[in-house]
Amino acid sequence: MRFENHSTQFTPQHTEEEKAQFTKEFEAITTQMHDAQKAGLSPHSSEVQEMVKAHYEFVSKFWTPNKSAYKSLALMYIVPSDYRDYYENVGEGLSQFTYEAVCIWADKNLTD
């Protein structure tokens, strides 16, 4: 996996209203992933993979990652970072669960 600097891919600043909407969207996806994890679904399950598709579509509002870029974003969910802390505060093990689900989806749906 290649690590890349994606800072040049972000779109210009958004309004406070847009930021609030983005936060709600992201929290909804995260809650769905946590519910799936608690229900014992596999990261491979079609339900979880649909959630990852929604996550990718959300991320694509800001930049369009290829397979390596999307997987390196997901890596931030398991290495010491604010992302990992966020997911782990929602539910223990959610960071790893999300990482695995994203990697599975990326491998099946994206190219470099």
Protein backbone atom coordinates (compact mmCIF):
# COMPACT_ATOMS: atom_id res chain seq x y z
CA MET A 1 0.00 0.00 0.00
CA ARG A 2 1.25 3.44 -0.95
CA PHE A 3 0.81 6.39 1.42
CA GLU A 4 -0.06 9.63 -0.24
CA ASN A 5 -0.54 13.27 0.67
CA HIS A 6 -4.08 14.15 -0.32
CA SER A 7 -4.17 17.72 0.97
CA THR A 8 -4.33 19.13 -2.56
CA GLN A 9 -7.48 17.11 -3.30
CA PHE A 10 -9.70 18.78 -0.69
CA THR A 11 -12.33 21.23 -1.87
CA PRO A 12 -12.53 24.84 -0.65
CA GLN A 13 -13.95 25.69 2.75
CA HIS A 14 -17.61 24.94 3.44
CA THR A 15 -20.21 26.97 5.33
CA GLU A 16 -21.01 26.19 8.96
CA GLU A 17 -24.36 24.79 7.85
CA GLU A 18 -22.65 22.44 5.40
CA LYS A 19 -20.14 21.37 8.07
CA ALA A 20 -23.00 20.57 10.45
CA GLN A 21 -24.70 18.49 7.75
CA PHE A 22 -21.45 16.65 7.01
CA THR A 23 -21.06 15.88 10.71
CA LYS A 24 -24.59 14.45 10.86
CA GLU A 25 -23.98 12.30 7.77
CA PHE A 26 -20.68 10.98 9.10
CA GLU A 27 -22.15 10.22 12.54
CA ALA A 28 -25.06 8.35 10.92
CA ILE A 29 -22.70 6.15 8.91
CA THR A 30 -20.55 5.53 11.98
CA THR A 31 -23.60 4.62 14.07
CA GLN A 32 -24.75 2.16 11.41
CA MET A 33 -21.29 0.55 11.35
CA HIS A 34 -21.29 0.29 15.13
CA ASP A 35 -24.77 -1.26 15.12
CA ALA A 36 -23.60 -3.79 12.53
CA GLN A 37 -20.54 -4.61 14.61
CA LYS A 38 -22.66 -5.06 17.76
CA ALA A 39 -25.05 -7.29 15.81
CA GLY A 40 -22.13 -9.54 14.93
CA LEU A 41 -22.14 -8.86 11.20
CA SER A 42 -18.95 -9.57 9.31
CA PRO A 43 -17.07 -6.77 7.55
CA HIS A 44 -17.64 -8.97 4.44
CA SER A 45 -21.44 -8.93 4.80
CA SER A 46 -23.47 -7.21 2.11
CA GLU A 47 -25.06 -4.96 4.73
CA VAL A 48 -21.70 -3.70 5.97
CA GLN A 49 -20.37 -3.35 2.45
CA GLU A 50 -23.35 -1.10 1.61
CA MET A 51 -22.40 1.05 4.61
CA VAL A 52 -18.86 1.31 3.29
CA LYS A 53 -20.25 2.38 -0.08
CA ALA A 54 -22.09 5.19 1.75
CA HIS A 55 -18.85 6.05 3.56
CA TYR A 56 -16.96 6.22 0.26
CA GLU A 57 -19.67 8.43 -1.25
CA PHE A 58 -19.40 10.69 1.80
CA VAL A 59 -15.61 10.89 1.53
CA SER A 60 -15.98 11.61 -2.19
CA LYS A 61 -17.70 14.89 -1.36
CA PHE A 62 -14.26 16.17 -0.35
CA TRP A 63 -11.84 14.22 -2.58
CA THR A 64 -12.01 11.14 -4.79
CA PRO A 65 -9.67 8.48 -3.47
CA ASN A 66 -8.42 5.60 -5.55
CA LYS A 67 -7.99 2.18 -3.93
CA SER A 68 -4.64 2.91 -2.27
CA ALA A 69 -5.76 6.31 -1.03
CA TYR A 70 -9.02 4.99 0.43
CA LYS A 71 -7.23 2.14 2.16
CA SER A 72 -4.62 4.54 3.55
CA LEU A 73 -7.45 6.68 4.95
CA ALA A 74 -8.82 3.56 6.61
CA LEU A 75 -5.38 2.82 8.02
CA MET A 76 -5.72 6.06 9.97
CA TYR A 77 -8.59 4.35 11.80
CA ILE A 78 -6.27 1.79 13.40
CA VAL A 79 -2.99 3.64 13.97
CA PRO A 80 -2.73 6.17 16.80
CA SER A 81 -4.73 9.13 15.47
CA ASP A 82 -7.79 11.25 16.16
CA TYR A 83 -9.68 8.99 13.74
CA ARG A 84 -8.90 5.88 15.78
CA ASP A 85 -9.83 7.67 18.99
CA TYR A 86 -13.15 8.75 17.48
CA TYR A 87 -14.09 5.24 16.35
CA GLU A 88 -12.95 3.63 19.60
CA ASN A 89 -14.99 6.14 21.62
CA VAL A 90 -18.07 5.08 19.66
CA GLY A 91 -17.37 1.41 20.31
CA GLU A 92 -14.42 -0.75 21.24
CA GLY A 93 -13.03 -2.45 18.16
CA LEU A 94 -15.00 -0.26 15.74
CA SER A 95 -11.81 1.16 14.27
CA GLN A 96 -10.54 -2.30 13.26
CA PHE A 97 -13.98 -3.37 12.05
CA THR A 98 -14.29 -0.28 9.85
CA TYR A 99 -10.74 -0.65 8.56
CA GLU A 100 -11.38 -4.23 7.49
CA ALA A 101 -14.70 -3.37 5.87
CA VAL A 102 -13.20 -0.44 3.94
CA CYS A 103 -10.29 -2.54 2.68
CA ILE A 104 -12.65 -5.28 1.48
CA TRP A 105 -14.84 -2.76 -0.35
CA ALA A 106 -11.86 -0.92 -1.85
CA ASP A 107 -10.32 -4.14 -3.14
CA LYS A 108 -13.58 -5.08 -4.86
CA ASN A 109 -14.63 -1.68 -6.18
CA LEU A 110 -11.65 0.59 -6.77
CA THR A 111 -8.46 0.66 -8.80
CA ASP A 112 -5.22 2.58 -8.41
